């Protein structure tokens, strides 16, 4: 029984599996990139990464241990001379596995395995990115707080849309209203009569009988209540004829008296006046 054994045997015996992984590791060290199945790539990662960590310590003992796994002098020399200095600052994760699709025939899932530090394209993309800082200094914190305070103060001083500041309201109240605007405000609207005009019109109102008996030349047209103004009332008072005088000497009575007086009566009256 194989309880707890999670590694993939890859359908091979122990010796066959170990020799296959040794050859694949040497090929990866020499060529920096290989194409294989996804299952073999995952098994190779577990096999080669401890060897890459061991290569950071360039001693005779380390070289003998690595050679026992690779069994290839050229691969060991390449690992300790070229690869070890390049991965010296990396703390694990020396390889990368990229899936490439499925193989024709058995439809096996394929992958490409490479050394991380030898992919120039990805390394150039990573250099342009800014590194995130986990801790911030006291000076940077103070500067950021000062900037935030200034922004908040500026935002509080600027009135929002539809709002008017107190200074603007005070200036608007201090502005003097022109005389024309004041007179317009005091003038009653069209069709309305002020109380003062109504009182004056009632005080100088002409009786209906006097208006009827007054001759056409003397009659003054009285404006309607809605059209009465101060100037019209003053003119009506100045031109008005007393009601008694109009009633005592009507035009018709004067004309009848002249018509009834005979010529003889007129001549006798003149003679009497001359004799006196």
Protein backbone atom coordinates (compact mmCIF):
# COMPACT_ATOMS: atom_id res chain seq x y z
CA UNK A 1 0.00 0.00 0.00
CA UNK A 2 1.19 3.57 -0.72
CA UNK A 3 -0.61 5.61 1.86
CA UNK A 4 0.52 9.24 2.01
CA UNK A 5 2.69 9.05 -1.09
CA UNK A 6 1.61 12.07 -3.20
CA UNK A 7 4.43 12.22 -5.77
CA UNK A 8 3.69 11.25 -9.37
CA UNK A 9 5.40 8.00 -10.50
CA UNK A 10 4.90 9.02 -14.17
CA UNK A 11 4.21 5.37 -15.04
CA UNK A 12 7.89 4.46 -14.63
CA UNK A 13 10.04 2.51 -12.28
CA UNK A 14 12.11 4.27 -9.67
CA UNK A 15 15.36 4.00 -11.65
CA UNK A 16 13.75 5.01 -14.90
CA UNK A 17 11.97 7.96 -13.32
CA UNK A 18 15.14 9.20 -11.60
CA UNK A 19 17.27 8.94 -14.75
CA UNK A 20 14.61 10.78 -16.79
CA UNK A 21 14.43 13.65 -14.29
CA UNK A 22 18.25 13.85 -14.19
CA UNK A 23 18.42 14.22 -17.97
CA UNK A 24 15.63 16.84 -18.00
CA UNK A 25 17.38 18.84 -15.25
CA UNK A 26 20.66 18.89 -17.17
CA UNK A 27 18.80 19.99 -20.32
CA UNK A 28 17.08 22.82 -18.42
CA UNK A 29 20.41 24.05 -16.99
CA UNK A 30 22.11 24.01 -20.38
CA UNK A 31 19.25 25.47 -22.48
CA UNK A 32 17.39 27.48 -19.78
CA UNK A 33 14.02 26.44 -21.30
CA UNK A 34 12.44 23.09 -22.27
CA UNK A 35 9.05 21.87 -23.54
CA UNK A 36 7.46 18.80 -21.92
CA UNK A 37 4.19 17.54 -20.48
CA UNK A 38 2.66 19.36 -17.55
CA UNK A 39 2.99 16.33 -15.25
CA UNK A 40 6.71 15.92 -15.98
CA UNK A 41 7.32 19.65 -15.55
CA UNK A 42 5.75 19.62 -12.08
CA UNK A 43 7.82 16.59 -11.11
CA UNK A 44 11.00 18.23 -12.45
CA UNK A 45 10.39 21.41 -10.42
CA UNK A 46 10.48 19.40 -7.19
CA UNK A 47 13.67 17.69 -8.37
CA UNK A 48 15.75 20.68 -9.62
CA UNK A 49 14.97 23.54 -7.23
CA UNK A 50 16.84 22.00 -4.26
CA UNK A 51 19.85 21.62 -6.55
CA UNK A 52 19.68 25.31 -7.52
CA UNK A 53 19.61 26.28 -3.84
CA UNK A 54 22.62 24.01 -3.17
CA UNK A 55 24.54 25.70 -6.03
CA UNK A 56 24.53 29.05 -4.15
CA UNK A 57 27.18 27.59 -1.82
CA UNK A 58 30.12 27.02 -4.18
CA UNK A 59 32.08 24.35 -2.27
CA UNK A 60 33.50 20.96 -3.18
CA UNK A 61 30.90 19.21 -1.06
CA UNK A 62 28.06 21.06 -2.83
CA UNK A 63 29.50 20.24 -6.24
CA UNK A 64 29.73 16.53 -5.39
CA UNK A 65 26.10 16.44 -4.13
CA UNK A 66 24.81 18.18 -7.26
CA UNK A 67 26.90 15.93 -9.51
CA UNK A 68 25.34 12.83 -7.91
CA UNK A 69 21.91 14.05 -9.12
CA UNK A 70 22.83 15.44 -12.55
CA UNK A 71 25.63 13.04 -13.53
CA UNK A 72 26.84 15.63 -16.09
CA UNK A 73 30.09 17.63 -15.60
CA UNK A 74 29.22 20.33 -18.15
CA UNK A 75 25.83 20.89 -16.49
CA UNK A 76 27.44 21.16 -13.04
CA UNK A 77 30.02 23.67 -14.33
CA UNK A 78 27.28 25.79 -16.00
CA UNK A 79 25.20 25.72 -12.83
CA UNK A 80 27.95 26.89 -10.47
CA UNK A 81 29.61 29.42 -12.79
CA UNK A 82 26.70 31.06 -14.66
CA UNK A 83 23.38 30.35 -12.99
CA UNK A 84 24.35 30.46 -9.28
CA UNK A 85 25.54 34.14 -9.32
CA UNK A 86 22.37 35.20 -11.16
CA UNK A 87 19.99 33.56 -8.69
CA UNK A 88 21.99 34.47 -5.59
CA UNK A 89 19.46 37.11 -4.41
CA UNK A 90 16.35 35.07 -5.19
CA UNK A 91 14.77 33.24 -2.24
CA UNK A 92 13.26 30.24 -4.03
CA UNK A 93 10.96 30.04 -7.05
CA UNK A 94 13.72 29.67 -9.63
CA UNK A 95 11.55 28.08 -12.34
CA UNK A 96 8.35 29.00 -14.14
CA UNK A 97 5.80 26.69 -15.82
CA UNK A 98 3.65 28.03 -18.69
CA UNK A 99 0.88 25.89 -20.21
CA UNK A 100 1.06 25.68 -24.01
CA UNK A 101 -1.99 23.58 -24.95
CA UNK A 102 -2.60 19.93 -25.75
CA UNK A 103 -0.49 17.48 -27.72
CA UNK A 104 -1.88 15.91 -30.89
CA UNK A 105 -2.40 12.16 -30.67
CA UNK A 106 -2.83 11.45 -26.93
CA UNK A 107 -4.14 14.96 -26.07
CA UNK A 108 -1.63 15.30 -23.23
CA UNK A 109 -1.43 18.72 -21.61
CA UNK A 110 1.83 20.42 -22.61
CA UNK A 111 3.86 23.08 -20.81
CA UNK A 112 7.05 25.09 -21.17
CA UNK A 113 9.44 25.20 -18.20
CA UNK A 114 12.10 27.92 -17.90
CA UNK A 115 14.44 29.60 -15.45
CA UNK A 116 12.88 32.85 -14.18
CA UNK A 117 16.04 34.97 -14.36
CA UNK A 118 16.65 34.15 -18.03
CA UNK A 119 13.37 35.45 -19.42
CA UNK A 120 14.47 38.90 -20.59
CA UNK A 121 10.97 40.00 -21.69
CA UNK A 122 9.36 39.48 -18.29
CA UNK A 123 12.33 40.95 -16.47
CA UNK A 124 12.11 44.18 -18.52
CA UNK A 125 8.36 44.48 -17.75
CA UNK A 126 9.00 44.04 -14.04
CA UNK A 127 11.71 46.75 -13.89
CA UNK A 128 9.32 49.50 -15.02
CA UNK A 129 6.87 48.88 -12.17
CA UNK A 130 7.25 50.90 -8.98
CA UNK A 131 7.83 48.92 -5.80
CA UNK A 132 5.24 49.24 -3.05
CA UNK A 133 6.47 50.45 0.31
CA UNK A 134 5.19 48.55 3.31
CA UNK A 135 6.17 51.21 5.85
CA UNK A 136 6.12 54.99 5.58
CA UNK A 137 8.45 57.43 7.30
CA UNK A 138 7.31 60.08 9.74
CA UNK A 139 8.19 62.92 7.34
CA UNK A 140 6.09 61.43 4.55
CA UNK A 141 3.14 60.98 6.94
CA UNK A 142 3.39 64.59 8.15
CA UNK A 143 3.58 65.92 4.59
CA UNK A 144 0.54 63.89 3.51
CA UNK A 145 -1.46 65.11 6.53
CA UNK A 146 -0.54 68.74 5.76
CA UNK A 147 -1.62 68.35 2.12
CA UNK A 148 -4.93 66.77 3.12
CA UNK A 149 -5.59 69.60 5.61
CA UNK A 150 -4.93 72.26 2.95
CA UNK A 151 -7.25 70.52 0.48
CA UNK A 152 -10.02 70.28 3.09
CA UNK A 153 -9.66 73.99 3.99
CA UNK A 154 -9.82 75.05 0.33
CA UNK A 155 -12.89 72.90 -0.24
CA UNK A 156 -14.63 74.43 2.81
CA UNK A 157 -13.97 78.01 1.63
CA UNK A 158 -15.39 77.49 -1.87
CA UNK A 159 -19.24 77.59 -1.82
CA UNK A 160 -20.98 74.70 -3.52
CA UNK A 161 -23.28 74.93 -6.51
CA UNK A 162 -26.47 76.83 -5.65
CA UNK A 163 -24.98 78.19 -2.39
CA UNK A 164 -24.09 81.82 -1.64
CA UNK A 165 -21.44 82.78 0.89
CA UNK A 166 -22.16 85.25 3.72
CA UNK A 167 -19.77 87.84 2.26
CA UNK A 168 -21.67 87.91 -1.04
CA UNK A 169 -24.99 88.36 0.79
CA UNK A 170 -23.59 91.26 2.84
CA UNK A 171 -22.25 93.00 -0.28
CA UNK A 172 -25.60 92.60 -2.06
CA UNK A 173 -27.43 94.13 0.94
CA UNK A 174 -24.99 97.07 1.08
CA UNK A 175 -25.59 98.03 -2.57
CA UNK A 176 -27.88 101.11 -2.78
CA UNK A 177 -31.11 100.81 -4.73
CA UNK A 178 -31.43 103.50 -7.46
CA UNK A 179 -34.15 106.18 -7.23
CA UNK A 180 -35.86 104.91 -10.40
CA UNK A 181 -36.19 101.44 -8.91
CA UNK A 182 -37.63 102.97 -5.72
CA UNK A 183 -40.24 104.96 -7.66
CA UNK A 184 -41.15 101.90 -9.69
CA UNK A 185 -41.59 99.95 -6.48
CA UNK A 186 -43.87 102.69 -5.11
CA UNK A 187 -45.99 103.03 -8.27
CA UNK A 188 -49.16 100.91 -8.24
CA UNK A 189 -49.46 98.22 -10.89
CA UNK A 190 -51.53 98.69 -14.02
CA UNK A 191 -55.27 98.59 -13.22
CA UNK A 192 -54.68 99.44 -9.53
CA UNK A 193 -55.26 102.84 -7.82
CA UNK A 194 -53.43 103.93 -4.70
CA UNK A 195 -55.40 104.94 -1.59
CA UNK A 196 -54.26 108.62 -1.77
CA UNK A 197 -55.54 109.02 -5.34
CA UNK A 198 -58.92 107.48 -4.43
CA UNK A 199 -59.34 109.88 -1.47
CA UNK A 200 -58.55 112.94 -3.65
CA UNK A 201 -60.96 111.81 -6.37
CA UNK A 202 -63.75 111.40 -3.78
CA UNK A 203 -63.09 114.89 -2.36
CA UNK A 204 -63.40 116.70 -5.71
CA UNK A 205 -66.12 114.56 -7.25
CA UNK A 206 -68.57 116.56 -9.39
CA UNK A 207 -72.35 115.98 -8.93
CA UNK A 208 -74.09 114.17 -11.75
CA UNK A 209 -76.74 116.99 -12.28
CA UNK A 210 -74.12 119.71 -12.65
CA UNK A 211 -72.24 117.69 -15.20
CA UNK A 212 -75.38 117.13 -17.26
CA UNK A 213 -76.38 120.86 -17.32
CA UNK A 214 -72.87 122.20 -17.96
CA UNK A 215 -72.31 123.39 -21.57
CA UNK A 216 -70.15 121.27 -23.88
CA UNK A 217 -67.32 123.84 -23.81
CA UNK A 218 -67.06 123.81 -20.01
CA UNK A 219 -67.51 120.07 -19.37
CA UNK A 220 -64.30 118.23 -18.53
CA UNK A 221 -64.14 114.49 -19.10
CA UNK A 222 -63.73 112.64 -15.84
CA UNK A 223 -61.35 109.63 -16.09
CA UNK A 224 -62.37 106.21 -14.84
CA UNK A 225 -61.40 105.12 -11.33
CA UNK A 226 -58.76 102.81 -12.63
CA UNK A 227 -57.22 105.63 -14.71
CA UNK A 228 -57.34 108.48 -12.13
CA UNK A 229 -53.95 110.08 -11.37
CA UNK A 230 -52.80 113.05 -9.33
CA UNK A 231 -52.32 115.37 -12.35
CA UNK A 232 -55.85 114.70 -13.71
CA UNK A 233 -57.45 115.46 -10.33
CA UNK A 234 -55.59 118.82 -10.04
CA UNK A 235 -56.62 119.90 -13.56
CA UNK A 236 -60.26 118.99 -12.90
CA UNK A 237 -60.28 121.09 -9.73
CA UNK A 238 -58.79 124.12 -11.55
CA UNK A 239 -61.26 124.10 -14.46
CA UNK A 240 -64.40 123.17 -12.50
CA UNK A 241 -67.38 125.56 -12.78
CA UNK A 242 -69.49 126.21 -9.66
CA UNK A 243 -72.70 124.21 -9.70
CA UNK A 244 -74.92 127.25 -8.66
CA UNK A 245 -73.71 129.46 -11.52
CA UNK A 246 -74.37 126.76 -14.02
CA UNK A 247 -77.87 126.14 -12.66
CA UNK A 248 -78.87 129.86 -12.53
CA UNK A 249 -77.76 130.87 -16.06
CA UNK A 250 -78.45 128.09 -18.42
CA UNK A 251 -77.89 128.77 -22.09
CA UNK A 252 -81.53 128.05 -23.02
CA UNK A 253 -82.94 130.62 -20.52
CA UNK A 254 -80.71 133.40 -21.88
CA UNK A 255 -81.73 132.62 -25.46
CA UNK A 256 -85.52 132.73 -24.60
CA UNK A 257 -85.22 136.10 -22.83
CA UNK A 258 -83.52 137.67 -25.79
CA UNK A 259 -86.14 136.25 -28.20
CA UNK A 260 -89.15 137.50 -26.12
CA UNK A 261 -87.93 141.15 -25.78
CA UNK A 262 -89.50 143.27 -28.64
CA UNK A 263 -87.57 145.93 -30.47
CA UNK A 264 -89.98 148.68 -29.26
CA UNK A 265 -89.33 147.87 -25.59
CA UNK A 266 -85.65 148.13 -26.24
CA UNK A 267 -85.95 151.55 -27.90
CA UNK A 268 -88.23 153.00 -25.10
CA UNK A 269 -85.73 151.87 -22.48
CA UNK A 270 -82.91 153.67 -24.33
CA UNK A 271 -85.02 156.94 -24.55
CA UNK A 272 -85.76 156.85 -20.83
CA UNK A 273 -82.09 156.42 -20.02
CA UNK A 274 -81.12 159.36 -22.26
CA UNK A 275 -83.79 161.64 -20.68
CA UNK A 276 -82.46 160.87 -17.22
